[in-house]
Amino acid sequence: MYPQDLFDNKTAAIEVTFFYGSHEKPDDATLFKPYLDSADIYIPEVRGWTPSALERYTKISKAIETPDEANQICIDNGEGRRKAFTMQLWKMLHGSNKQIVVLDIPSDFESIYDGSKDVYETLTDNSRSFSEFLHELDTETNNEVANQDKREDYISERLRTLLEDSAASNPSSEQIRILLTIGAIHTRLFERFVSDPSFKHVAFKQVFSENPQPYYYRAELMKRKLYGEKISEELLAKVFLEDICELHIDEMTSFTNANDKIRLLRAIIEPFSYDDAQKVFENWDNQKVGQFIAIEILKTEGYQES
């Protein structure tokens, strides 16, 4: 551990930008391109990463591999085709010579899992009441929140070490710009560092993909739980509706920005009351849900249909 006063030297010119947003569609990556262009060190969100993943990012940054070549290698290795967001990010990184540092939890990181089944696997089972189903959904998300809490601790410790090492190896006080991109539920990461007196001479800033940042109902639920807020059954009911509608939205639309998709989902779901959601649960019919979503998309102006 470096001395407590390591960062008391005002000439330790380190700037860290936390960019919060989705990591789903190609334009989710394009939104942070200006920050990536000016960064010296890039920290991607790569939950469950392996050494080969870090090697892939580094080779792309150094133009040893093209994004298409890297994608094909992933397919050949049985890892599957990379999603649109990753391909766009790789295109932005290609030949940039950015230093890539991965702080996220690796593939062998111990998670919290209680062995429970996916609550949606038996959605057609009418033996549960809607309230019982929401309780199961609440428990399931509690496990994920516990995992995210451990994940934030892990990332924080590794970021602390990176900042200490960067300051120690930067006696000339040359400007070091670090960009960390991650999902918008993880605002506690910024709060931990900006309020830490041992980093008072590191410039921390947070940027959101939009202001205000749109959140999925599920992401809103996760973020509230991470901050220890009380969760209502009404919010859990909205998460249920969003979960069963999202796949239909993906199949019926061609958004290139997840924020547009989130706004559409929330516009469709917001009018539903708890009682409305209960009726959907008790009369579950996937085809009818799809038909409803299609009609709602056609009724909603300003959204792109495929």
Protein backbone atom coordinates (compact mmCIF):
# COMPACT_ATOMS: atom_id res chain seq x y z
CA MET A 1 0.00 0.00 0.00
CA TYR A 2 1.27 3.44 -0.87
CA PRO A 3 1.48 6.20 1.75
CA GLN A 4 -1.74 8.01 2.64
CA ASP A 5 -0.34 11.30 1.34
CA LEU A 6 0.51 9.88 -2.09
CA PHE A 7 -2.24 11.96 -3.68
CA ASP A 8 -1.53 15.08 -1.61
CA ASN A 9 0.89 16.15 -4.34
CA LYS A 10 -1.26 18.55 -6.35
CA THR A 11 0.82 17.86 -9.44
CA ALA A 12 -0.46 14.25 -9.65
CA ALA A 13 -2.60 15.08 -12.68
CA ILE A 14 -5.03 12.18 -12.98
CA GLU A 15 -8.56 12.53 -14.33
CA VAL A 16 -11.12 9.73 -14.05
CA THR A 17 -14.42 9.84 -15.94
CA PHE A 18 -17.20 7.42 -15.03
CA PHE A 19 -19.48 7.13 -18.04
CA TYR A 20 -22.84 5.63 -17.13
CA GLY A 21 -25.16 4.16 -19.73
CA SER A 22 -26.48 1.03 -21.40
CA HIS A 23 -24.25 -1.51 -23.13
CA GLU A 24 -26.66 -3.11 -25.53
CA LYS A 25 -27.00 -1.25 -28.85
CA PRO A 26 -24.27 0.17 -31.15
CA ASP A 27 -25.03 3.82 -30.39
CA ASP A 28 -24.71 3.11 -26.66
CA ALA A 29 -20.99 2.93 -27.41
CA THR A 30 -20.97 5.86 -29.86
CA LEU A 31 -22.30 8.12 -27.08
CA PHE A 32 -19.02 7.93 -25.16
CA LYS A 33 -16.69 8.13 -28.18
CA PRO A 34 -15.53 11.72 -27.39
CA TYR A 35 -14.42 10.60 -23.93
CA LEU A 36 -12.72 7.50 -25.33
CA ASP A 37 -10.86 9.57 -27.92
CA SER A 38 -9.27 11.72 -25.22
CA ALA A 39 -8.54 8.88 -22.76
CA ASP A 40 -5.11 7.36 -22.16
CA ILE A 41 -6.47 4.36 -20.27
CA TYR A 42 -9.78 2.69 -21.03
CA ILE A 43 -11.61 0.47 -18.53
CA PRO A 44 -14.44 -1.47 -20.21
CA GLU A 45 -17.26 -3.26 -18.45
CA VAL A 46 -16.46 -6.94 -19.02
CA ARG A 47 -18.27 -8.90 -16.33
CA GLY A 48 -17.02 -12.49 -16.15
CA TRP A 49 -13.95 -11.78 -18.26
CA THR A 50 -11.17 -14.21 -19.11
CA PRO A 51 -7.52 -13.48 -20.03
CA SER A 52 -8.42 -14.05 -23.68
CA ALA A 53 -10.98 -11.23 -23.47
CA LEU A 54 -8.35 -8.76 -22.27
CA GLU A 55 -5.98 -9.99 -24.98
CA ARG A 56 -8.74 -9.41 -27.57
CA TYR A 57 -9.26 -5.79 -26.50
CA THR A 58 -5.53 -5.13 -26.47
CA LYS A 59 -4.97 -6.63 -29.92
CA ILE A 60 -7.79 -4.54 -31.35
CA SER A 61 -6.45 -1.37 -29.74
CA LYS A 62 -3.02 -2.07 -31.27
CA ALA A 63 -4.60 -2.97 -34.64
CA ILE A 64 -3.19 -6.51 -34.45
CA GLU A 65 -6.73 -7.75 -35.06
CA THR A 66 -9.70 -6.08 -36.72
CA PRO A 67 -13.09 -6.19 -35.00
CA ASP A 68 -14.37 -8.65 -37.65
CA GLU A 69 -11.35 -10.91 -37.15
CA ALA A 70 -11.79 -10.81 -33.38
CA ASN A 71 -15.49 -11.60 -33.74
CA GLN A 72 -14.75 -14.59 -35.96
CA ILE A 73 -12.18 -15.88 -33.49
CA CYS A 74 -14.82 -15.67 -30.75
CA ILE A 75 -17.24 -17.64 -32.93
CA ASP A 76 -14.59 -20.26 -33.78
CA ASN A 77 -13.74 -20.62 -30.08
CA GLY A 78 -17.36 -21.35 -29.26
CA GLU A 79 -17.82 -18.05 -27.40
CA GLY A 80 -20.53 -16.85 -29.76
CA ARG A 81 -20.93 -13.80 -31.93
CA ARG A 82 -20.26 -10.48 -30.18
CA LYS A 83 -23.30 -8.23 -29.74
CA ALA A 84 -23.76 -4.96 -31.61
CA PHE A 85 -22.52 -2.81 -28.72
CA THR A 86 -19.23 -4.71 -28.47
CA MET A 87 -18.64 -4.60 -32.21
CA GLN A 88 -19.15 -0.82 -32.26
CA LEU A 89 -16.85 -0.41 -29.26
CA TRP A 90 -14.18 -2.50 -30.96
CA LYS A 91 -14.47 -0.34 -34.10
CA MET A 92 -13.94 2.76 -31.95
CA LEU A 93 -10.91 1.17 -30.24
CA HIS A 94 -9.30 -0.28 -33.37
CA GLY A 95 -5.84 1.22 -33.95
CA SER A 96 -6.26 3.74 -31.11
CA ASN A 97 -3.36 2.30 -29.05
CA LYS A 98 -5.33 2.92 -25.88
CA GLN A 99 -4.07 1.11 -22.81
CA ILE A 100 -6.78 -1.36 -21.82
CA VAL A 101 -7.23 -2.21 -18.15
CA VAL A 102 -9.92 -4.61 -16.94
CA LEU A 103 -11.10 -4.13 -13.35
CA ASP A 104 -14.34 -6.09 -13.57
CA ILE A 105 -14.97 -9.44 -11.88
CA PRO A 106 -13.38 -12.41 -13.71
CA SER A 107 -15.12 -15.59 -14.83
CA ASP A 108 -14.16 -17.49 -11.67
CA PHE A 109 -15.43 -14.81 -9.27
CA GLU A 110 -17.58 -16.29 -6.51
CA SER A 111 -21.20 -15.25 -6.88
CA ILE A 112 -24.17 -15.43 -4.53
CA TYR A 113 -26.67 -17.96 -5.82
CA ASP A 114 -29.28 -19.83 -3.81
CA GLY A 115 -30.12 -22.44 -6.44
CA SER A 116 -33.60 -21.09 -7.11
CA LYS A 117 -35.15 -21.55 -10.54
CA ASP A 118 -35.90 -18.75 -12.95
CA VAL A 119 -39.27 -17.39 -11.82
CA TYR A 120 -40.41 -17.18 -15.44
CA GLU A 121 -39.80 -20.85 -16.21
CA THR A 122 -43.20 -21.73 -14.74
CA LEU A 123 -45.14 -18.62 -15.69
CA THR A 124 -48.03 -20.75 -16.94
CA ASP A 125 -48.30 -22.45 -13.53
CA ASN A 126 -51.38 -20.90 -11.93
CA SER A 127 -50.72 -22.47 -8.53
CA ARG A 128 -49.02 -19.26 -7.37
CA SER A 129 -50.77 -16.03 -6.58
CA PHE A 130 -49.46 -12.86 -8.19
CA SER A 131 -48.21 -11.70 -4.81
CA GLU A 132 -46.31 -14.98 -4.33
CA PHE A 133 -44.80 -14.62 -7.79
CA LEU A 134 -43.64 -11.08 -7.03
CA HIS A 135 -42.09 -12.31 -3.78
CA GLU A 136 -40.08 -14.85 -5.80
CA LEU A 137 -39.09 -12.10 -8.24
CA ASP A 138 -38.03 -9.92 -5.31
CA THR A 139 -35.88 -12.73 -3.89
CA GLU A 140 -34.31 -13.40 -7.28
CA THR A 141 -33.34 -9.75 -7.69
CA ASN A 142 -32.02 -9.65 -4.11
CA ASN A 143 -29.46 -12.28 -5.10
CA GLU A 144 -28.40 -10.24 -8.13
CA VAL A 145 -28.13 -7.09 -6.01
CA ALA A 146 -25.87 -8.96 -3.58
CA ASN A 147 -23.71 -10.00 -6.54
CA GLN A 148 -23.58 -6.41 -7.83
CA ASP A 149 -22.64 -5.18 -4.37
CA LYS A 150 -19.69 -7.60 -4.25
CA ARG A 151 -18.83 -6.63 -7.80
CA GLU A 152 -18.67 -2.92 -6.93
CA ASP A 153 -16.39 -3.71 -3.98
CA TYR A 154 -14.10 -5.68 -6.29
CA ILE A 155 -13.96 -2.94 -8.93
CA SER A 156 -13.37 -0.26 -6.29
CA GLU A 157 -10.38 -2.03 -4.80
CA ARG A 158 -8.79 -2.59 -8.19
CA LEU A 159 -9.44 0.99 -9.27
CA ARG A 160 -7.85 2.23 -6.05
CA THR A 161 -4.75 0.18 -6.83
CA LEU A 162 -4.67 1.47 -10.43
CA LEU A 163 -4.82 5.09 -9.23
CA GLU A 164 -2.09 4.53 -6.65
CA ASP A 165 0.15 2.86 -9.22
CA SER A 166 -0.55 5.57 -11.80
CA ALA A 167 0.35 8.33 -9.34
CA ALA A 168 3.51 6.56 -8.21
CA SER A 169 4.71 6.02 -11.78
CA ASN A 170 3.94 9.60 -12.86
CA PRO A 171 6.60 11.78 -11.19
CA SER A 172 6.58 14.23 -14.09
CA SER A 173 2.89 14.92 -13.43
CA GLU A 174 1.99 14.29 -17.06
CA GLN A 175 -1.79 14.31 -17.52
CA ILE A 176 -3.34 10.83 -17.31
CA ARG A 177 -6.95 10.52 -18.44
CA ILE A 178 -8.87 7.39 -17.48
CA LEU A 179 -12.29 6.43 -18.84
CA LEU A 180 -14.43 3.79 -17.11
CA THR A 181 -17.71 2.82 -18.78
CA ILE A 182 -20.32 0.86 -16.88
CA GLY A 183 -24.07 0.42 -16.43
CA ALA A 184 -26.00 3.34 -15.00
CA ILE A 185 -27.01 1.51 -11.81
CA HIS A 186 -23.43 1.72 -10.53
CA THR A 187 -23.33 5.39 -9.50
CA ARG A 188 -22.06 4.37 -6.06
CA LEU A 189 -18.63 3.79 -7.63
CA PHE A 190 -18.22 7.48 -8.41
CA GLU A 191 -19.57 8.45 -4.99
CA ARG A 192 -17.03 6.24 -3.22
CA PHE A 193 -14.08 7.92 -4.89
CA VAL A 194 -15.18 11.53 -5.18
CA SER A 195 -15.80 11.60 -1.40
CA ASP A 196 -12.53 9.83 -0.49
CA PRO A 197 -10.06 12.39 0.99
CA SER A 198 -7.05 10.29 -0.02
CA PHE A 199 -7.93 11.04 -3.66
CA LYS A 200 -8.69 14.72 -3.21
CA HIS A 201 -6.27 15.74 -5.95
CA VAL A 202 -7.58 13.28 -8.51
CA ALA A 203 -10.28 14.83 -10.69
CA PHE A 204 -13.35 12.57 -10.73
CA LYS A 205 -16.38 13.25 -12.87
CA GLN A 206 -19.46 11.30 -13.84
CA VAL A 207 -21.25 11.54 -17.17
CA PHE A 208 -24.54 9.92 -18.14
CA SER A 209 -25.50 8.87 -21.64
CA GLU A 210 -28.46 11.24 -21.31
CA ASN A 211 -29.71 13.73 -18.76
CA PRO A 212 -31.97 12.60 -17.23
CA GLN A 213 -30.79 9.03 -17.67
CA PRO A 214 -33.65 6.66 -18.66
CA TYR A 215 -33.72 3.42 -16.69
CA TYR A 216 -35.40 0.10 -17.32
CA TYR A 217 -37.82 -0.68 -14.49
CA ARG A 218 -35.55 -3.61 -13.58
CA ALA A 219 -32.51 -1.32 -13.49
CA GLU A 220 -34.47 1.17 -11.37
CA LEU A 221 -35.32 -1.68 -9.00
CA MET A 222 -31.67 -2.79 -8.80
CA LYS A 223 -30.40 0.71 -8.20
CA ARG A 224 -32.95 1.36 -5.46
CA LYS A 225 -31.95 -1.87 -3.75
CA LEU A 226 -28.25 -1.02 -4.00
CA TYR A 227 -29.03 2.22 -2.16
CA GLY A 228 -31.08 0.36 0.46
CA GLU A 229 -34.43 1.86 -0.52
CA LYS A 230 -37.75 0.17 0.20
CA ILE A 231 -39.29 -1.63 -2.79
CA SER A 232 -43.02 -1.56 -3.46
CA GLU A 233 -45.10 -4.33 -5.02
CA GLU A 234 -46.16 -1.77 -7.62
CA LEU A 235 -42.58 -1.44 -8.86
CA LEU A 236 -42.14 -5.23 -8.89
CA ALA A 237 -45.33 -5.47 -10.97
CA LYS A 238 -43.84 -3.01 -13.48
CA VAL A 239 -40.67 -5.13 -13.64
CA PHE A 240 -42.82 -8.19 -14.39
CA LEU A 241 -44.56 -6.38 -17.25
CA GLU A 242 -41.25 -5.10 -18.61
CA ASP A 243 -39.65 -8.55 -18.47
CA ILE A 244 -42.44 -10.14 -20.53
CA CYS A 245 -42.61 -7.22 -22.98
CA GLU A 246 -38.91 -6.63 -23.65
CA LEU A 247 -38.39 -9.63 -25.93
CA HIS A 248 -41.32 -8.56 -28.09
CA ILE A 249 -39.90 -5.02 -28.29
CA ASP A 250 -36.56 -6.41 -29.47
CA GLU A 251 -38.24 -8.55 -32.12
CA MET A 252 -40.46 -5.75 -33.44
CA THR A 253 -38.12 -2.75 -33.42
CA SER A 254 -34.68 -1.84 -34.72
CA PHE A 255 -33.39 0.70 -32.23
CA THR A 256 -29.68 1.52 -32.35
CA ASN A 257 -29.79 3.22 -28.94
CA ALA A 258 -31.05 1.43 -25.82
CA ASN A 259 -32.36 4.68 -24.34
CA ASP A 260 -34.98 4.90 -27.11
CA LYS A 261 -36.04 1.33 -26.39
CA ILE A 262 -36.26 2.06 -22.65
CA ARG A 263 -38.46 5.09 -23.25
CA LEU A 264 -40.81 3.05 -25.42
CA LEU A 265 -41.05 0.25 -22.87
CA ARG A 266 -41.81 2.67 -20.06
CA ALA A 267 -44.37 4.55 -22.16
CA ILE A 268 -46.22 1.27 -22.78
CA ILE A 269 -46.00 -0.03 -19.20
CA GLU A 270 -46.47 3.15 -17.17
CA PRO A 271 -50.30 3.28 -17.51
CA PHE A 272 -50.67 -0.25 -16.06
CA SER A 273 -51.82 -0.42 -12.44
CA TYR A 274 -50.96 -3.23 -10.04
CA ASP A 275 -54.41 -4.74 -10.70
CA ASP A 276 -53.79 -4.57 -14.46
CA ALA A 277 -50.50 -6.43 -14.06
CA GLN A 278 -52.22 -9.05 -11.90
CA LYS A 279 -54.78 -9.68 -14.63
CA VAL A 280 -51.98 -10.18 -17.17
CA PHE A 281 -50.36 -12.70 -14.82
CA GLU A 282 -53.55 -14.59 -14.11
CA ASN A 283 -54.50 -14.76 -17.80
CA TRP A 284 -51.02 -15.28 -19.21
CA ASP A 285 -50.87 -15.57 -22.99
CA ASN A 286 -47.59 -14.79 -24.71
CA GLN A 287 -49.23 -14.34 -28.12
CA LYS A 288 -51.70 -11.79 -26.78
CA VAL A 289 -48.87 -9.85 -25.14
CA GLY A 290 -47.06 -9.75 -28.47
CA GLN A 291 -50.16 -8.53 -30.26
CA PHE A 292 -50.69 -5.82 -27.64
CA ILE A 293 -47.09 -4.64 -27.94
CA ALA A 294 -47.36 -4.49 -31.75
CA ILE A 295 -50.49 -2.31 -31.50
CA GLU A 296 -48.86 -0.04 -28.93
CA ILE A 297 -45.78 0.44 -31.11
CA LEU A 298 -47.95 1.39 -34.05
CA LYS A 299 -49.86 3.86 -31.86
CA THR A 300 -46.71 5.49 -30.46
CA GLU A 301 -45.26 8.25 -32.60
CA GLY A 302 -41.55 8.91 -32.86
CA TYR A 303 -40.36 5.32 -32.59
CA GLN A 304 -38.85 3.27 -35.38
CA GLU A 305 -40.41 -0.03 -36.39
CA SER A 306 -38.53 -2.70 -38.31
